[in-house]
N, C-alpha and C. Protein backbone atom coordinates (compact mmCIF):
# COMPACT_ATOMS: atom_id res chain seq x y z
N MET A 1 -77.48 0.08 -82.09
CA MET A 1 -78.16 -0.95 -81.34
C MET A 1 -77.48 -2.29 -81.64
N THR A 2 -77.30 -3.11 -80.64
CA THR A 2 -76.69 -4.41 -80.81
C THR A 2 -77.52 -5.47 -80.10
N THR A 3 -77.30 -6.72 -80.50
CA THR A 3 -77.95 -7.81 -79.80
C THR A 3 -77.19 -8.08 -78.51
N ASP A 4 -77.70 -8.99 -77.68
CA ASP A 4 -77.04 -9.29 -76.42
C ASP A 4 -75.59 -9.72 -76.62
N ASP A 5 -75.32 -10.39 -77.73
CA ASP A 5 -73.94 -10.82 -77.99
C ASP A 5 -73.16 -9.78 -78.80
N GLY A 6 -73.78 -8.62 -79.04
CA GLY A 6 -73.09 -7.53 -79.74
C GLY A 6 -73.06 -7.67 -81.25
N GLU A 7 -73.76 -8.65 -81.80
CA GLU A 7 -73.71 -8.88 -83.24
C GLU A 7 -74.47 -7.79 -84.01
N ARG A 8 -73.82 -7.29 -85.04
CA ARG A 8 -74.44 -6.32 -85.95
C ARG A 8 -74.16 -6.78 -87.37
N VAL A 9 -75.09 -6.47 -88.26
CA VAL A 9 -74.89 -6.73 -89.68
C VAL A 9 -75.15 -5.43 -90.43
N ARG A 10 -74.64 -5.37 -91.65
CA ARG A 10 -74.82 -4.20 -92.50
C ARG A 10 -75.23 -4.68 -93.89
N ALA A 11 -76.33 -4.12 -94.39
CA ALA A 11 -76.82 -4.45 -95.72
C ALA A 11 -76.88 -3.18 -96.56
N HIS A 12 -76.31 -3.24 -97.76
CA HIS A 12 -76.34 -2.14 -98.73
C HIS A 12 -77.37 -2.55 -99.79
N VAL A 13 -78.38 -1.71 -99.98
CA VAL A 13 -79.56 -2.09 -100.76
C VAL A 13 -79.80 -1.11 -101.90
N LEU A 14 -80.19 -1.65 -103.06
CA LEU A 14 -80.65 -0.85 -104.20
C LEU A 14 -82.05 -1.34 -104.56
N VAL A 15 -83.00 -0.41 -104.57
CA VAL A 15 -84.40 -0.74 -104.84
C VAL A 15 -84.82 -0.08 -106.15
N SER A 16 -85.36 -0.86 -107.06
CA SER A 16 -85.81 -0.30 -108.34
C SER A 16 -87.31 -0.49 -108.51
N GLY A 17 -87.86 0.31 -109.41
CA GLY A 17 -89.29 0.33 -109.68
C GLY A 17 -89.77 1.77 -109.53
N ARG A 18 -91.05 1.92 -109.20
CA ARG A 18 -91.57 3.27 -108.93
C ARG A 18 -91.33 3.53 -107.44
N VAL A 19 -90.14 4.07 -107.14
CA VAL A 19 -89.73 4.23 -105.75
C VAL A 19 -89.32 5.66 -105.41
N GLN A 20 -89.37 6.55 -106.38
CA GLN A 20 -89.08 7.96 -106.11
C GLN A 20 -90.37 8.75 -106.27
N GLY A 21 -90.54 9.75 -105.39
CA GLY A 21 -91.74 10.57 -105.44
C GLY A 21 -92.96 9.91 -104.81
N VAL A 22 -92.73 8.86 -104.00
CA VAL A 22 -93.84 8.14 -103.39
C VAL A 22 -93.63 7.99 -101.87
N THR A 23 -92.85 8.85 -101.28
CA THR A 23 -92.49 8.88 -99.84
C THR A 23 -91.68 7.67 -99.40
N TYR A 24 -90.98 7.04 -100.34
CA TYR A 24 -90.18 5.85 -100.00
C TYR A 24 -89.10 6.18 -98.97
N ARG A 25 -88.37 7.27 -99.18
CA ARG A 25 -87.28 7.61 -98.25
C ARG A 25 -87.81 7.92 -96.85
N ALA A 26 -88.86 8.73 -96.78
CA ALA A 26 -89.40 9.12 -95.47
C ALA A 26 -89.94 7.92 -94.70
N THR A 27 -90.65 7.04 -95.38
CA THR A 27 -91.20 5.88 -94.68
C THR A 27 -90.09 4.88 -94.33
N THR A 28 -89.06 4.81 -95.14
CA THR A 28 -87.92 3.96 -94.81
C THR A 28 -87.24 4.47 -93.55
N ARG A 29 -87.03 5.78 -93.46
CA ARG A 29 -86.40 6.35 -92.27
C ARG A 29 -87.24 6.08 -91.03
N ARG A 30 -88.54 6.31 -91.11
CA ARG A 30 -89.42 6.08 -89.97
C ARG A 30 -89.42 4.61 -89.56
N THR A 31 -89.50 3.71 -90.53
CA THR A 31 -89.50 2.28 -90.23
C THR A 31 -88.18 1.84 -89.60
N ALA A 32 -87.07 2.34 -90.13
CA ALA A 32 -85.76 1.98 -89.58
C ALA A 32 -85.62 2.48 -88.14
N ARG A 33 -86.03 3.70 -87.91
CA ARG A 33 -85.95 4.24 -86.54
C ARG A 33 -86.83 3.45 -85.59
N ASP A 34 -88.02 3.08 -86.03
CA ASP A 34 -88.93 2.30 -85.19
C ASP A 34 -88.33 0.94 -84.84
N ARG A 35 -87.53 0.39 -85.74
CA ARG A 35 -86.95 -0.95 -85.53
C ARG A 35 -85.56 -0.90 -84.92
N GLY A 36 -85.05 0.30 -84.66
CA GLY A 36 -83.73 0.42 -84.06
C GLY A 36 -82.59 0.13 -85.02
N VAL A 37 -82.81 0.44 -86.30
CA VAL A 37 -81.79 0.20 -87.33
C VAL A 37 -81.12 1.52 -87.68
N ASP A 38 -79.81 1.51 -87.79
CA ASP A 38 -79.04 2.68 -88.17
C ASP A 38 -78.75 2.66 -89.67
N GLY A 39 -78.35 3.83 -90.21
CA GLY A 39 -77.96 3.89 -91.62
C GLY A 39 -78.49 5.12 -92.32
N TRP A 40 -78.77 4.96 -93.61
CA TRP A 40 -79.24 6.09 -94.42
C TRP A 40 -79.99 5.58 -95.64
N VAL A 41 -80.70 6.52 -96.29
CA VAL A 41 -81.43 6.24 -97.53
C VAL A 41 -81.33 7.47 -98.42
N ARG A 42 -81.28 7.25 -99.74
CA ARG A 42 -81.24 8.38 -100.68
C ARG A 42 -81.77 7.95 -102.05
N ASN A 43 -82.22 8.97 -102.80
CA ASN A 43 -82.59 8.77 -104.20
C ASN A 43 -81.32 8.80 -105.04
N ARG A 44 -81.28 7.95 -106.06
CA ARG A 44 -80.16 7.95 -107.00
C ARG A 44 -80.62 8.58 -108.31
N PRO A 45 -79.68 9.17 -109.06
CA PRO A 45 -80.05 9.79 -110.33
C PRO A 45 -80.66 8.80 -111.33
N ASP A 46 -80.37 7.51 -111.18
CA ASP A 46 -80.89 6.51 -112.12
C ASP A 46 -82.32 6.06 -111.79
N GLY A 47 -82.96 6.68 -110.79
CA GLY A 47 -84.34 6.37 -110.46
C GLY A 47 -84.50 5.35 -109.34
N ARG A 48 -83.41 4.74 -108.92
CA ARG A 48 -83.48 3.78 -107.82
C ARG A 48 -83.32 4.49 -106.48
N VAL A 49 -83.67 3.77 -105.41
CA VAL A 49 -83.42 4.22 -104.05
C VAL A 49 -82.29 3.35 -103.51
N GLU A 50 -81.34 3.99 -102.85
CA GLU A 50 -80.20 3.30 -102.25
C GLU A 50 -80.29 3.46 -100.74
N ALA A 51 -79.99 2.40 -100.00
CA ALA A 51 -80.04 2.48 -98.55
C ALA A 51 -78.98 1.58 -97.93
N VAL A 52 -78.58 1.95 -96.72
CA VAL A 52 -77.71 1.11 -95.90
C VAL A 52 -78.41 0.91 -94.57
N PHE A 53 -78.52 -0.34 -94.15
CA PHE A 53 -79.12 -0.68 -92.87
C PHE A 53 -78.08 -1.39 -92.02
N GLU A 54 -77.93 -0.93 -90.79
CA GLU A 54 -76.98 -1.57 -89.89
C GLU A 54 -77.61 -1.75 -88.52
N GLY A 55 -77.49 -2.96 -87.98
CA GLY A 55 -78.06 -3.24 -86.68
C GLY A 55 -78.15 -4.72 -86.42
N PRO A 56 -78.99 -5.12 -85.46
CA PRO A 56 -79.16 -6.54 -85.17
C PRO A 56 -79.68 -7.29 -86.40
N PRO A 57 -79.24 -8.52 -86.61
CA PRO A 57 -79.64 -9.26 -87.81
C PRO A 57 -81.14 -9.31 -88.05
N ASP A 58 -81.94 -9.57 -87.04
CA ASP A 58 -83.40 -9.67 -87.23
C ASP A 58 -83.99 -8.33 -87.67
N ALA A 59 -83.50 -7.24 -87.10
CA ALA A 59 -84.01 -5.91 -87.45
C ALA A 59 -83.64 -5.54 -88.87
N VAL A 60 -82.41 -5.85 -89.27
CA VAL A 60 -81.97 -5.56 -90.64
C VAL A 60 -82.77 -6.41 -91.64
N GLU A 61 -82.98 -7.68 -91.32
CA GLU A 61 -83.79 -8.53 -92.20
C GLU A 61 -85.22 -7.98 -92.32
N GLY A 62 -85.75 -7.44 -91.24
CA GLY A 62 -87.06 -6.82 -91.29
C GLY A 62 -87.09 -5.63 -92.24
N MET A 63 -86.00 -4.87 -92.26
CA MET A 63 -85.92 -3.73 -93.19
C MET A 63 -85.84 -4.22 -94.63
N LEU A 64 -85.15 -5.32 -94.86
CA LEU A 64 -85.09 -5.87 -96.22
C LEU A 64 -86.47 -6.33 -96.67
N ASP A 65 -87.23 -6.93 -95.75
CA ASP A 65 -88.61 -7.30 -96.08
C ASP A 65 -89.41 -6.05 -96.43
N TYR A 66 -89.25 -5.00 -95.62
CA TYR A 66 -89.96 -3.74 -95.90
C TYR A 66 -89.62 -3.21 -97.29
N CYS A 67 -88.36 -3.29 -97.68
CA CYS A 67 -87.93 -2.74 -98.97
C CYS A 67 -88.66 -3.39 -100.15
N HIS A 68 -89.07 -4.63 -100.01
CA HIS A 68 -89.79 -5.30 -101.09
C HIS A 68 -91.21 -4.76 -101.25
N GLU A 69 -91.72 -4.09 -100.23
CA GLU A 69 -93.07 -3.52 -100.27
C GLU A 69 -93.03 -2.00 -100.40
N GLY A 70 -92.32 -1.34 -99.50
CA GLY A 70 -92.27 0.12 -99.49
C GLY A 70 -93.62 0.70 -99.11
N PRO A 71 -93.77 2.02 -99.29
CA PRO A 71 -95.05 2.67 -98.99
C PRO A 71 -96.11 2.26 -100.01
N SER A 72 -97.35 2.56 -99.71
CA SER A 72 -98.46 2.07 -100.54
C SER A 72 -98.40 2.52 -101.99
N ARG A 73 -97.86 3.70 -102.27
CA ARG A 73 -97.80 4.20 -103.65
C ARG A 73 -96.61 3.67 -104.44
N ALA A 74 -95.69 2.99 -103.78
CA ALA A 74 -94.51 2.45 -104.47
C ALA A 74 -94.88 1.17 -105.22
N ARG A 75 -94.13 0.90 -106.27
CA ARG A 75 -94.23 -0.36 -107.01
C ARG A 75 -92.81 -0.90 -107.15
N VAL A 76 -92.43 -1.73 -106.21
CA VAL A 76 -91.07 -2.26 -106.18
C VAL A 76 -90.94 -3.38 -107.21
N GLU A 77 -89.91 -3.27 -108.06
CA GLU A 77 -89.65 -4.30 -109.06
C GLU A 77 -88.49 -5.20 -108.68
N ASP A 78 -87.49 -4.65 -107.98
CA ASP A 78 -86.32 -5.44 -107.64
C ASP A 78 -85.63 -4.85 -106.42
N VAL A 79 -85.06 -5.72 -105.61
CA VAL A 79 -84.26 -5.31 -104.46
C VAL A 79 -82.95 -6.09 -104.51
N GLN A 80 -81.85 -5.36 -104.65
CA GLN A 80 -80.52 -5.98 -104.65
C GLN A 80 -79.88 -5.71 -103.29
N VAL A 81 -79.29 -6.74 -102.70
CA VAL A 81 -78.70 -6.62 -101.37
C VAL A 81 -77.28 -7.14 -101.39
N GLU A 82 -76.37 -6.36 -100.81
CA GLU A 82 -75.00 -6.81 -100.58
C GLU A 82 -74.71 -6.61 -99.11
N TYR A 83 -74.21 -7.65 -98.47
CA TYR A 83 -73.83 -7.54 -97.06
C TYR A 83 -72.38 -7.05 -96.99
N GLU A 84 -72.14 -6.14 -96.05
CA GLU A 84 -70.83 -5.53 -95.87
C GLU A 84 -70.46 -5.60 -94.39
N PRO A 85 -69.17 -5.41 -94.09
CA PRO A 85 -68.80 -5.35 -92.67
C PRO A 85 -69.44 -4.12 -92.01
N PRO A 86 -69.97 -4.26 -90.80
CA PRO A 86 -70.54 -3.11 -90.09
C PRO A 86 -69.50 -2.00 -89.92
N GLU A 87 -69.97 -0.76 -90.01
CA GLU A 87 -69.09 0.40 -89.88
C GLU A 87 -69.40 1.23 -88.64
N GLY A 88 -70.35 0.79 -87.83
CA GLY A 88 -70.68 1.53 -86.61
C GLY A 88 -71.58 2.73 -86.85
N ALA A 89 -72.46 2.64 -87.84
CA ALA A 89 -73.39 3.73 -88.12
C ALA A 89 -74.26 4.00 -86.89
N THR A 90 -74.61 5.26 -86.70
CA THR A 90 -75.52 5.64 -85.61
C THR A 90 -76.60 6.55 -86.17
N GLY A 91 -77.84 6.32 -85.77
CA GLY A 91 -78.95 7.11 -86.27
C GLY A 91 -79.34 6.69 -87.67
N PHE A 92 -80.39 7.27 -88.17
CA PHE A 92 -80.83 6.98 -89.55
C PHE A 92 -81.23 8.28 -90.21
N GLU A 93 -80.67 8.54 -91.39
CA GLU A 93 -80.90 9.82 -92.07
C GLU A 93 -81.27 9.64 -93.52
N ILE A 94 -81.93 10.67 -94.05
CA ILE A 94 -82.15 10.78 -95.48
C ILE A 94 -81.01 11.60 -96.04
N ARG A 95 -80.30 11.04 -97.00
CA ARG A 95 -79.21 11.76 -97.66
C ARG A 95 -79.71 12.36 -98.96
N ARG A 96 -79.12 13.46 -99.32
CA ARG A 96 -79.49 14.13 -100.58
C ARG A 96 -78.50 13.80 -101.66
């Protein structure tokens, strides 16, 4: 998905806290799809959740806002964001 001027942004995110085993990945995928954001989400062995969001700037910023809250059972302690050049991601998936 792109804006009228074709602008896309890509954010690589690491979320820490109680974010595994609380449906964080599934709700992130659903939220991203609802907002027209492409990318992926996965659990990391260190207990954090990692995600990449790519799409229109406003939609990606909305996903970053979501990451600070997560699903109701999550307790987010920190969200680290690095912006990267868009890679043309399509769809949104949960990676293993």
